[in-house]
Amino acid sequence: MIQALKSVFFIGAFAFFGWNQAFAFDHSHSNWNELVQRSVTWTNSTSTVNYKDLKSNSKALDHYLKELSEVKSSDFDRWSREQQLAFLINAYNAWTIKLILENYPVKSIKDIGGIFSSPWKKKFFKLFDKEANLDWIEHEKIRPIYNEPRIHFALVCASIGCPGIRAEAFIAEKLNRQLDDSTKRFLNDSSRNHYDLAKKELALSSIFKWYKDDFVKAKGTVQAFILPYMDSLKSETLSSVQNLPIKYLEYNWSLNEK
């Protein structure tokens, strides 16, 4: 009887731990990390992507996307906040790359789709057992839940005007540092953001116009949000920048191709 109970316990334990091991997700995102390390080149504060190389090695990307699609909502809900957010950022960026490759060569992500359709609303992948699009990840799964305005410098749109894609995967253990670094890089790229000392005027990316509410919710004003990150404002105080006028720069939607 005791031997029989031991056998039942062993079989049950094996089934439980075997099932969990089979469905364990790689939170180091090693496959994505290898892809971007090989195909992304940093130049000062931004990056370019070798889409030709990615196109010729599309199986590696497809393998990573399959890993993402196999994650169930019930598994995702058990992860830490940092694991969830890193997963969603990497997923958004990887599927953005996939969208470009499916239509490559293309001059701009905005050329994908038709007059009345948006590339961000195109349902072309499955996540959490549902057909999904990029807008769904950003506007339903990330923004209303995590209250993290720095994601706007981590999510990429494959364009020169958008933040550069990192040459590494976002991972939970480094997420805060990575988000800070991506924000700082973007804000110190003078082609997309700068402070005109003579005019006492901020010239900022249109990202700060489109998502103004996110920055205001986090820090009270756009100016207060950018102050810790923008080197040209180092000598300024919060009170001195709060009322600086903002001019929003035209967005460059050209493909960020190497």
C-alpha atoms as a PDB file:
ATOM      1  CA  MET A   1       0.000   0.000   0.000  1.00  0.00           C
ATOM      2  CA  ILE A   2       2.791   2.406   0.963  1.00  0.00           C
ATOM      3  CA  GLN A   3       4.691   1.503  -2.190  1.00  0.00           C
ATOM      4  CA  ALA A   4       1.581   2.151  -4.280  1.00  0.00           C
ATOM      5  CA  LEU A   5       1.086   5.574  -2.687  1.00  0.00           C
ATOM      6  CA  LYS A   6       4.725   6.425  -3.368  1.00  0.00           C
ATOM      7  CA  SER A   7       4.251   5.497  -7.010  1.00  0.00           C
ATOM      8  CA  VAL A   8       1.133   7.655  -7.315  1.00  0.00           C
ATOM      9  CA  PHE A   9       2.938  10.586  -5.664  1.00  0.00           C
ATOM     10  CA  PHE A  10       5.943  10.185  -7.977  1.00  0.00           C
ATOM     11  CA  ILE A  11       3.784  10.063 -11.098  1.00  0.00           C
ATOM     12  CA  GLY A  12       1.767  13.089  -9.965  1.00  0.00           C
ATOM     13  CA  ALA A  13       4.875  15.086  -9.115  1.00  0.00           C
ATOM     14  CA  PHE A  14       6.494  14.188 -12.424  1.00  0.00           C
ATOM     15  CA  ALA A  15       3.375  15.222 -14.328  1.00  0.00           C
ATOM     16  CA  PHE A  16       3.156  18.540 -12.460  1.00  0.00           C
ATOM     17  CA  PHE A  17       6.796  19.533 -12.746  1.00  0.00           C
ATOM     18  CA  GLY A  18       7.090  18.087 -16.255  1.00  0.00           C
ATOM     19  CA  TRP A  19       4.130  20.153 -17.422  1.00  0.00           C
ATOM     20  CA  ASN A  20       5.534  23.332 -15.878  1.00  0.00           C
ATOM     21  CA  GLN A  21       8.963  22.722 -17.379  1.00  0.00           C
ATOM     22  CA  ALA A  22       7.481  22.085 -20.818  1.00  0.00           C
ATOM     23  CA  PHE A  23       5.631  25.391 -20.750  1.00  0.00           C
ATOM     24  CA  ALA A  24       8.259  27.470 -18.937  1.00  0.00           C
ATOM     25  CA  PHE A  25       8.907  30.713 -20.777  1.00  0.00           C
ATOM     26  CA  ASP A  26      12.448  31.985 -21.357  1.00  0.00           C
ATOM     27  CA  HIS A  27      12.398  35.336 -19.553  1.00  0.00           C
ATOM     28  CA  SER A  28      15.889  36.116 -20.813  1.00  0.00           C
ATOM     29  CA  HIS A  29      14.319  36.385 -24.291  1.00  0.00           C
ATOM     30  CA  SER A  30      17.572  34.872 -25.572  1.00  0.00           C
ATOM     31  CA  ASN A  31      16.340  34.251 -29.122  1.00  0.00           C
ATOM     32  CA  TRP A  32      15.202  37.855 -29.530  1.00  0.00           C
ATOM     33  CA  ASN A  33      18.398  39.082 -27.873  1.00  0.00           C
ATOM     34  CA  GLU A  34      20.538  37.236 -30.423  1.00  0.00           C
ATOM     35  CA  LEU A  35      18.511  38.632 -33.328  1.00  0.00           C
ATOM     36  CA  VAL A  36      18.757  42.288 -32.327  1.00  0.00           C
ATOM     37  CA  GLN A  37      22.397  42.016 -31.307  1.00  0.00           C
ATOM     38  CA  ARG A  38      23.180  40.863 -34.829  1.00  0.00           C
ATOM     39  CA  SER A  39      20.860  43.142 -36.788  1.00  0.00           C
ATOM     40  CA  VAL A  40      20.680  46.433 -34.842  1.00  0.00           C
ATOM     41  CA  THR A  41      23.412  49.079 -34.988  1.00  0.00           C
ATOM     42  CA  TRP A  42      23.556  51.972 -32.533  1.00  0.00           C
ATOM     43  CA  THR A  43      24.758  55.355 -33.784  1.00  0.00           C
ATOM     44  CA  ASN A  44      24.930  57.912 -30.978  1.00  0.00           C
ATOM     45  CA  SER A  45      21.379  58.173 -29.618  1.00  0.00           C
ATOM     46  CA  THR A  46      19.475  56.081 -32.125  1.00  0.00           C
ATOM     47  CA  SER A  47      19.744  52.841 -34.066  1.00  0.00           C
ATOM     48  CA  THR A  48      19.232  51.337 -37.499  1.00  0.00           C
ATOM     49  CA  VAL A  49      18.074  47.867 -38.460  1.00  0.00           C
ATOM     50  CA  ASN A  50      19.512  45.516 -41.065  1.00  0.00           C
ATOM     51  CA  TYR A  51      16.199  44.309 -42.483  1.00  0.00           C
ATOM     52  CA  LYS A  52      17.911  42.469 -45.339  1.00  0.00           C
ATOM     53  CA  ASP A  53      19.766  40.310 -42.829  1.00  0.00           C
ATOM     54  CA  LEU A  54      16.609  39.690 -40.827  1.00  0.00           C
ATOM     55  CA  LYS A  55      14.725  38.796 -44.007  1.00  0.00           C
ATOM     56  CA  SER A  56      17.330  36.194 -44.911  1.00  0.00           C
ATOM     57  CA  ASN A  57      17.146  34.748 -41.384  1.00  0.00           C
ATOM     58  CA  SER A  58      13.397  34.974 -40.903  1.00  0.00           C
ATOM     59  CA  LYS A  59      13.160  31.487 -39.371  1.00  0.00           C
ATOM     60  CA  ALA A  60      14.914  32.694 -36.227  1.00  0.00           C
ATOM     61  CA  LEU A  61      12.378  35.498 -35.793  1.00  0.00           C
ATOM     62  CA  ASP A  62       9.482  33.139 -36.490  1.00  0.00           C
ATOM     63  CA  HIS A  63      10.797  30.783 -33.802  1.00  0.00           C
ATOM     64  CA  TYR A  64      10.788  33.589 -31.235  1.00  0.00           C
ATOM     65  CA  LEU A  65       7.316  34.743 -32.266  1.00  0.00           C
ATOM     66  CA  LYS A  66       6.087  31.175 -31.821  1.00  0.00           C
ATOM     67  CA  GLU A  67       7.441  31.252 -28.258  1.00  0.00           C
ATOM     68  CA  LEU A  68       5.450  34.417 -27.594  1.00  0.00           C
ATOM     69  CA  SER A  69       2.246  33.037 -29.099  1.00  0.00           C
ATOM     70  CA  GLU A  70       2.401  29.918 -26.935  1.00  0.00           C
ATOM     71  CA  VAL A  71       2.137  31.926 -23.712  1.00  0.00           C
ATOM     72  CA  LYS A  72      -1.296  31.648 -22.117  1.00  0.00           C
ATOM     73  CA  SER A  73      -3.045  34.444 -20.244  1.00  0.00           C
ATOM     74  CA  SER A  74      -3.075  32.299 -17.107  1.00  0.00           C
ATOM     75  CA  ASP A  75       0.720  31.950 -17.275  1.00  0.00           C
ATOM     76  CA  PHE A  76       1.239  35.652 -17.967  1.00  0.00           C
ATOM     77  CA  ASP A  77      -0.918  36.629 -14.985  1.00  0.00           C
ATOM     78  CA  ARG A  78       1.418  34.740 -12.628  1.00  0.00           C
ATOM     79  CA  TRP A  79       4.515  36.661 -13.717  1.00  0.00           C
ATOM     80  CA  SER A  80       5.978  39.687 -11.968  1.00  0.00           C
ATOM     81  CA  ARG A  81       5.111  43.172 -13.209  1.00  0.00           C
ATOM     82  CA  GLU A  82       8.606  43.521 -14.703  1.00  0.00           C
ATOM     83  CA  GLN A  83       8.405  40.163 -16.489  1.00  0.00           C
ATOM     84  CA  GLN A  84       5.031  41.102 -17.959  1.00  0.00           C
ATOM     85  CA  LEU A  85       6.136  44.508 -19.188  1.00  0.00           C
ATOM     86  CA  ALA A  86       9.409  43.215 -20.664  1.00  0.00           C
ATOM     87  CA  PHE A  87       7.424  40.506 -22.469  1.00  0.00           C
ATOM     88  CA  LEU A  88       4.928  42.981 -23.941  1.00  0.00           C
ATOM     89  CA  ILE A  89       7.617  45.445 -25.076  1.00  0.00           C
ATOM     90  CA  ASN A  90       9.661  42.726 -26.774  1.00  0.00           C
ATOM     91  CA  ALA A  91       6.513  41.247 -28.312  1.00  0.00           C
ATOM     92  CA  TYR A  92       5.445  44.617 -29.737  1.00  0.00           C
ATOM     93  CA  ASN A  93       8.884  45.265 -31.213  1.00  0.00           C
ATOM     94  CA  ALA A  94       9.316  41.761 -32.608  1.00  0.00           C
ATOM     95  CA  TRP A  95       5.938  41.816 -34.338  1.00  0.00           C
ATOM     96  CA  THR A  96       6.668  45.294 -35.691  1.00  0.00           C
ATOM     97  CA  ILE A  97       9.815  43.863 -37.289  1.00  0.00           C
ATOM     98  CA  LYS A  98       7.765  40.933 -38.604  1.00  0.00           C
ATOM     99  CA  LEU A  99       5.260  43.340 -40.176  1.00  0.00           C
ATOM    100  CA  ILE A 100       8.069  45.177 -41.961  1.00  0.00           C
ATOM    101  CA  LEU A 101       9.631  41.935 -43.215  1.00  0.00           C
ATOM    102  CA  GLU A 102       6.296  40.695 -44.562  1.00  0.00           C
ATOM    103  CA  ASN A 103       6.127  43.828 -46.728  1.00  0.00           C
ATOM    104  CA  TYR A 104       9.841  44.380 -47.365  1.00  0.00           C
ATOM    105  CA  PRO A 105      11.148  46.292 -49.243  1.00  0.00           C
ATOM    106  CA  VAL A 106       9.064  49.220 -48.026  1.00  0.00           C
ATOM    107  CA  LYS A 107       9.937  52.882 -47.529  1.00  0.00           C
ATOM    108  CA  SER A 108       7.763  53.429 -44.474  1.00  0.00           C
ATOM    109  CA  ILE A 109       5.599  51.430 -42.110  1.00  0.00           C
ATOM    110  CA  LYS A 110       2.785  53.811 -43.031  1.00  0.00           C
ATOM    111  CA  ASP A 111       2.886  52.444 -46.593  1.00  0.00           C
ATOM    112  CA  ILE A 112       1.615  49.126 -45.240  1.00  0.00           C
ATOM    113  CA  GLY A 113      -2.128  48.807 -45.530  1.00  0.00           C
ATOM    114  CA  GLY A 114      -4.523  50.926 -47.527  1.00  0.00           C
ATOM    115  CA  ILE A 115      -6.073  54.378 -47.431  1.00  0.00           C
ATOM    116  CA  PHE A 116      -8.591  53.341 -44.794  1.00  0.00           C
ATOM    117  CA  SER A 117      -6.439  50.841 -42.879  1.00  0.00           C
ATOM    118  CA  SER A 118      -3.622  51.256 -40.401  1.00  0.00           C
ATOM    119  CA  PRO A 119      -0.618  48.937 -39.962  1.00  0.00           C
ATOM    120  CA  TRP A 120      -1.151  49.200 -36.199  1.00  0.00           C
ATOM    121  CA  LYS A 121      -4.720  47.912 -36.476  1.00  0.00           C
ATOM    122  CA  LYS A 122      -3.867  45.027 -38.796  1.00  0.00           C
ATOM    123  CA  LYS A 123      -4.495  41.687 -37.065  1.00  0.00           C
ATOM    124  CA  PHE A 124      -1.613  39.502 -38.161  1.00  0.00           C
ATOM    125  CA  PHE A 125      -0.544  37.539 -35.086  1.00  0.00           C
ATOM    126  CA  LYS A 126      -1.984  35.597 -32.170  1.00  0.00           C
ATOM    127  CA  LEU A 127      -1.300  36.410 -28.518  1.00  0.00           C
ATOM    128  CA  PHE A 128      -3.030  34.966 -25.455  1.00  0.00           C
ATOM    129  CA  ASP A 129      -5.150  32.811 -27.774  1.00  0.00           C
ATOM    130  CA  LYS A 130      -6.659  35.740 -29.687  1.00  0.00           C
ATOM    131  CA  GLU A 131      -6.052  37.420 -33.011  1.00  0.00           C
ATOM    132  CA  ALA A 132      -4.279  40.662 -32.189  1.00  0.00           C
ATOM    133  CA  ASN A 133      -2.675  43.807 -33.547  1.00  0.00           C
ATOM    134  CA  LEU A 134       0.008  46.234 -32.393  1.00  0.00           C
ATOM    135  CA  ASP A 135      -2.479  48.825 -31.144  1.00  0.00           C
ATOM    136  CA  TRP A 136      -4.034  46.200 -28.888  1.00  0.00           C
ATOM    137  CA  ILE A 137      -0.686  45.531 -27.183  1.00  0.00           C
ATOM    138  CA  GLU A 138       0.110  49.209 -26.670  1.00  0.00           C
ATOM    139  CA  HIS A 139      -3.274  50.741 -25.904  1.00  0.00           C
ATOM    140  CA  GLU A 140      -5.040  47.869 -24.141  1.00  0.00           C
ATOM    141  CA  LYS A 141      -2.345  45.681 -22.603  1.00  0.00           C
ATOM    142  CA  ILE A 142       0.333  48.244 -21.660  1.00  0.00           C
ATOM    143  CA  ARG A 143      -0.753  51.880 -21.278  1.00  0.00           C
ATOM    144  CA  PRO A 144      -3.892  51.536 -19.120  1.00  0.00           C
ATOM    145  CA  ILE A 145      -2.387  48.880 -16.853  1.00  0.00           C
ATOM    146  CA  TYR A 146       1.235  49.783 -16.113  1.00  0.00           C
ATOM    147  CA  ASN A 147       1.156  53.612 -15.977  1.00  0.00           C
ATOM    148  CA  GLU A 148       4.703  53.712 -17.371  1.00  0.00           C
ATOM    149  CA  PRO A 149       5.318  56.645 -19.764  1.00  0.00           C
ATOM    150  CA  ARG A 150       8.857  55.464 -20.522  1.00  0.00           C
ATOM    151  CA  ILE A 151       7.407  52.716 -22.701  1.00  0.00           C
ATOM    152  CA  HIS A 152       7.008  55.353 -25.415  1.00  0.00           C
ATOM    153  CA  PHE A 153      10.804  55.254 -25.807  1.00  0.00           C
ATOM    154  CA  ALA A 154      10.943  51.459 -25.779  1.00  0.00           C
ATOM    155  CA  LEU A 155       8.179  50.578 -28.245  1.00  0.00           C
ATOM    156  CA  VAL A 156       9.372  51.089 -31.800  1.00  0.00           C
ATOM    157  CA  CYS A 157       7.585  51.920 -35.047  1.00  0.00           C
ATOM    158  CA  ALA A 158      10.444  51.063 -37.441  1.00  0.00           C
ATOM    159  CA  SER A 159      10.858  54.735 -38.343  1.00  0.00           C
ATOM    160  CA  ILE A 160      13.658  57.291 -38.132  1.00  0.00           C
ATOM    161  CA  GLY A 161      11.491  59.535 -35.975  1.00  0.00           C
ATOM    162  CA  CYS A 162      10.748  56.880 -33.394  1.00  0.00           C
ATOM    163  CA  PRO A 163      13.018  55.767 -30.549  1.00  0.00           C
ATOM    164  CA  GLY A 164      15.808  53.447 -31.599  1.00  0.00           C
ATOM    165  CA  ILE A 165      15.271  49.754 -31.048  1.00  0.00           C
ATOM    166  CA  ARG A 166      17.719  48.430 -28.468  1.00  0.00           C
ATOM    167  CA  ALA A 167      20.412  45.968 -29.499  1.00  0.00           C
ATOM    168  CA  GLU A 168      19.315  43.778 -26.614  1.00  0.00           C
ATOM    169  CA  ALA A 169      16.114  42.295 -25.287  1.00  0.00           C
ATOM    170  CA  PHE A 170      14.265  43.969 -22.449  1.00  0.00           C
ATOM    171  CA  ILE A 171      14.429  41.723 -19.389  1.00  0.00           C
ATOM    172  CA  ALA A 172      12.833  42.006 -15.959  1.00  0.00           C
ATOM    173  CA  GLU A 173      16.106  42.260 -14.027  1.00  0.00           C
ATOM    174  CA  LYS A 174      17.275  45.297 -15.999  1.00  0.00           C
ATOM    175  CA  LEU A 175      13.952  46.779 -17.057  1.00  0.00           C
ATOM    176  CA  ASN A 176      14.086  50.005 -15.036  1.00  0.00           C
ATOM    177  CA  ARG A 177      17.646  50.789 -16.180  1.00  0.00           C
ATOM    178  CA  GLN A 178      16.797  49.930 -19.784  1.00  0.00           C
ATOM    179  CA  LEU A 179      13.724  52.174 -19.806  1.00  0.00           C
ATOM    180  CA  ASP A 180      15.713  55.024 -18.273  1.00  0.00           C
ATOM    181  CA  ASP A 181      18.505  54.576 -20.811  1.00  0.00           C
ATOM    182  CA  SER A 182      16.115  54.456 -23.779  1.00  0.00           C
ATOM    183  CA  THR A 183      14.371  57.602 -22.548  1.00  0.00           C
ATOM    184  CA  LYS A 184      17.650  59.434 -22.036  1.00  0.00           C
ATOM    185  CA  ARG A 185      19.008  58.410 -25.452  1.00  0.00           C
ATOM    186  CA  PHE A 186      15.873  59.615 -27.198  1.00  0.00           C
ATOM    187  CA  LEU A 187      15.647  62.930 -25.376  1.00  0.00           C
ATOM    188  CA  ASN A 188      19.303  63.704 -26.039  1.00  0.00           C
ATOM    189  CA  ASP A 189      19.065  63.107 -29.772  1.00  0.00           C
ATOM    190  CA  SER A 190      19.106  66.721 -30.967  1.00  0.00           C
ATOM    191  CA  SER A 191      17.505  65.784 -34.294  1.00  0.00           C
ATOM    192  CA  ARG A 192      14.343  64.785 -32.439  1.00  0.00           C
ATOM    193  CA  ASN A 193      14.431  66.843 -29.232  1.00  0.00           C
ATOM    194  CA  HIS A 194      16.344  69.972 -28.257  1.00  0.00           C
ATOM    195  CA  TYR A 195      16.257  73.069 -26.088  1.00  0.00           C
ATOM    196  CA  ASP A 196      16.703  76.417 -27.798  1.00  0.00           C
ATOM    197  CA  LEU A 197      18.387  78.466 -25.084  1.00  0.00           C
ATOM    198  CA  ALA A 198      18.167  81.724 -27.056  1.00  0.00           C
ATOM    199  CA  LYS A 199      14.419  81.397 -27.623  1.00  0.00           C
ATOM    200  CA  LYS A 200      13.814  79.677 -24.289  1.00  0.00           C
ATOM    201  CA  GLU A 201      11.793  77.114 -26.206  1.00  0.00           C
ATOM    202  CA  LEU A 202      11.612  73.334 -26.197  1.00  0.00           C
ATOM    203  CA  ALA A 203      11.452  71.550 -29.542  1.00  0.00           C
ATOM    204  CA  LEU A 204      10.184  68.050 -28.862  1.00  0.00           C
ATOM    205  CA  SER A 205       9.163  64.944 -30.756  1.00  0.00           C
ATOM    206  CA  SER A 206       5.487  64.648 -31.615  1.00  0.00           C
ATOM    207  CA  ILE A 207       5.429  61.667 -29.238  1.00  0.00           C
ATOM    208  CA  PHE A 208       5.055  64.199 -26.434  1.00  0.00           C
ATOM    209  CA  LYS A 209       1.983  65.648 -28.157  1.00  0.00           C
ATOM    210  CA  TRP A 210       0.340  62.335 -29.003  1.00  0.00           C
ATOM    211  CA  TYR A 211       0.817  60.887 -25.516  1.00  0.00           C
ATOM    212  CA  LYS A 212       0.794  64.070 -23.467  1.00  0.00           C
ATOM    213  CA  ASP A 213      -1.747  62.654 -21.013  1.00  0.00           C
ATOM    214  CA  ASP A 214       0.622  59.811 -20.070  1.00  0.00           C
ATOM    215  CA  PHE A 215       3.448  62.200 -19.188  1.00  0.00           C
ATOM    216  CA  VAL A 216       1.158  64.611 -17.345  1.00  0.00           C
ATOM    217  CA  LYS A 217      -0.360  61.749 -15.354  1.00  0.00           C
ATOM    218  CA  ALA A 218       3.106  60.606 -14.281  1.00  0.00           C
ATOM    219  CA  LYS A 219       4.828  63.927 -13.556  1.00  0.00           C
ATOM    220  CA  GLY A 220       2.301  66.739 -13.789  1.00  0.00           C
ATOM    221  CA  THR A 221       3.685  68.310 -16.986  1.00  0.00           C
ATOM    222  CA  VAL A 222       5.672  67.238 -20.029  1.00  0.00           C
ATOM    223  CA  GLN A 223       8.425  69.639 -18.947  1.00  0.00           C
ATOM    224  CA  ALA A 224       8.678  67.996 -15.526  1.00  0.00           C
ATOM    225  CA  PHE A 225       8.963  64.571 -17.144  1.00  0.00           C
ATOM    226  CA  ILE A 226      11.841  65.457 -19.482  1.00  0.00           C
ATOM    227  CA  LEU A 227      13.878  67.497 -16.972  1.00  0.00           C
ATOM    228  CA  PRO A 228      15.831  64.569 -15.405  1.00  0.00           C
ATOM    229  CA  TYR A 229      16.692  63.100 -18.811  1.00  0.00           C
ATOM    230  CA  MET A 230      17.587  66.023 -21.084  1.00  0.00           C
ATOM    231  CA  ASP A 231      21.227  67.057 -20.693  1.00  0.00           C
ATOM    232  CA  SER A 232      20.656  70.530 -22.136  1.00  0.00           C
ATOM    233  CA  LEU A 233      18.312  71.244 -19.211  1.00  0.00           C
ATOM    234  CA  LYS A 234      20.800  70.220 -16.516  1.00  0.00           C
ATOM    235  CA  SER A 235      21.342  73.792 -15.356  1.00  0.00           C
ATOM    236  CA  GLU A 236      17.596  74.455 -15.185  1.00  0.00           C
ATOM    237  CA  THR A 237      15.279  73.955 -12.225  1.00  0.00           C
ATOM    238  CA  LEU A 238      11.784  72.531 -12.297  1.00  0.00           C
ATOM    239  CA  SER A 239      10.251  75.951 -11.719  1.00  0.00           C
ATOM    240  CA  SER A 240      12.241  77.422 -14.611  1.00  0.00           C
ATOM    241  CA  VAL A 241      11.157  74.780 -17.136  1.00  0.00           C
ATOM    242  CA  GLN A 242       7.523  74.306 -16.100  1.00  0.00           C
ATOM    243  CA  ASN A 243       6.262  77.106 -18.325  1.00  0.00           C
ATOM    244  CA  LEU A 244       8.682  76.757 -21.239  1.00  0.00           C
ATOM    245  CA  PRO A 245       6.766  76.803 -24.532  1.00  0.00           C
ATOM    246  CA  ILE A 246       6.901  73.584 -26.547  1.00  0.00           C
ATOM    247  CA  LYS A 247       7.173  73.306 -30.317  1.00  0.00           C
ATOM    248  CA  TYR A 248       6.445  69.827 -31.661  1.00  0.00           C
ATOM    249  CA  LEU A 249       8.696  68.637 -34.466  1.00  0.00           C
ATOM    250  CA  GLU A 250       7.534  66.930 -37.639  1.00  0.00           C
ATOM    251  CA  TYR A 251       7.804  63.158 -37.370  1.00  0.00           C
ATOM    252  CA  ASN A 252      10.030  61.288 -39.813  1.00  0.00           C
ATOM    253  CA  TRP A 253       8.230  58.104 -40.866  1.00  0.00           C
ATOM    254  CA  SER A 254      11.010  56.860 -43.184  1.00  0.00           C
ATOM    255  CA  LEU A 255      12.162  53.305 -42.498  1.00  0.00           C
ATOM    256  CA  ASN A 256      14.994  53.078 -39.957  1.00  0.00           C
ATOM    257  CA  GLU A 257      17.034  50.879 -42.265  1.00  0.00           C
ATOM    258  CA  LYS A 258      20.770  50.302 -42.126  1.00  0.00           C
END
